[in-house]
């Protein structure tokens, strides 16, 4: 497995309705995997450009049919809009926001940049190869039993199930370090994210398993992954008063200066004096 080392563009505030092409590509792939059940994608380029090439999930959108499209769409549906370079799409995104859609994103850079980001994301998934099936001589009885219990695909260890959880995420949520180590040895993709945009590290923090956290960090997981709200694992642990996890993440190299979509850092979200003390050096 080759760990993903792609650097995502800094997110702007949710009020700006902008998203990097890399994050938009991630949303599209999670939608294709069934992890993100609902997603509306709109192409606001001219008819000829759309006919020549477009994102498969996209519907062409014009000013004339905007109101009809918006009224036909459930307001809980996340919306992605792209154009040529990321300018016109911001106008359409604002219109969706005016219709009270809470999750609306204009893709920075436009169509060509989004296509490149999709190609890159697909090429780097699992280092370009599939994991070996679990049902082979290298798998422990404990792993097989775990996969069967949760209805996972024995032939694809990256395939998500309920809530978009992969076997690695489910093991992390349960704090099952031995299973995490075995899954990593199988070459599972540590970059996979669930329906909320969280990776396995966030779930290991939920379980308060320091061993699971250390294994995932050693396995190359993105320690500063931002979910669909722009929050990192460090922000979560600070806001949940998990001082031991905050200390561990800082030790492992988590960046306390990362901001969420509301421009808040982990120190701004600290819910206890212990967490605040650990993050106080980041103020300023």
Foldseek 3Di string as FASTA:
>chain_A
DDADPDDADADAAVVQQAGELLVVLLVVVCCVLCQQVAEAEEEAEDPVVVVVDDDVRYDYDYPVCLVVVLVVDDLAGAYEYFYQAQDVRSVSQVVSVVVVRSHGHGYHGGDVSNVVSNVVVCCPALVNDFFAFQPDPLHDPVLVVLCVVQVHDRGGQCRADPQQDGSLLVCLLQLPLVNNLSVLVSRHHQARAGNQAHTSLLSNVNNVRLSSNVSSLVSNHDQQGQTPQGDGSLLVCQLVVVLVVNVSSVVSPHDQCRAGSVRDGSCNRGDDPSSVVVCVVVDD
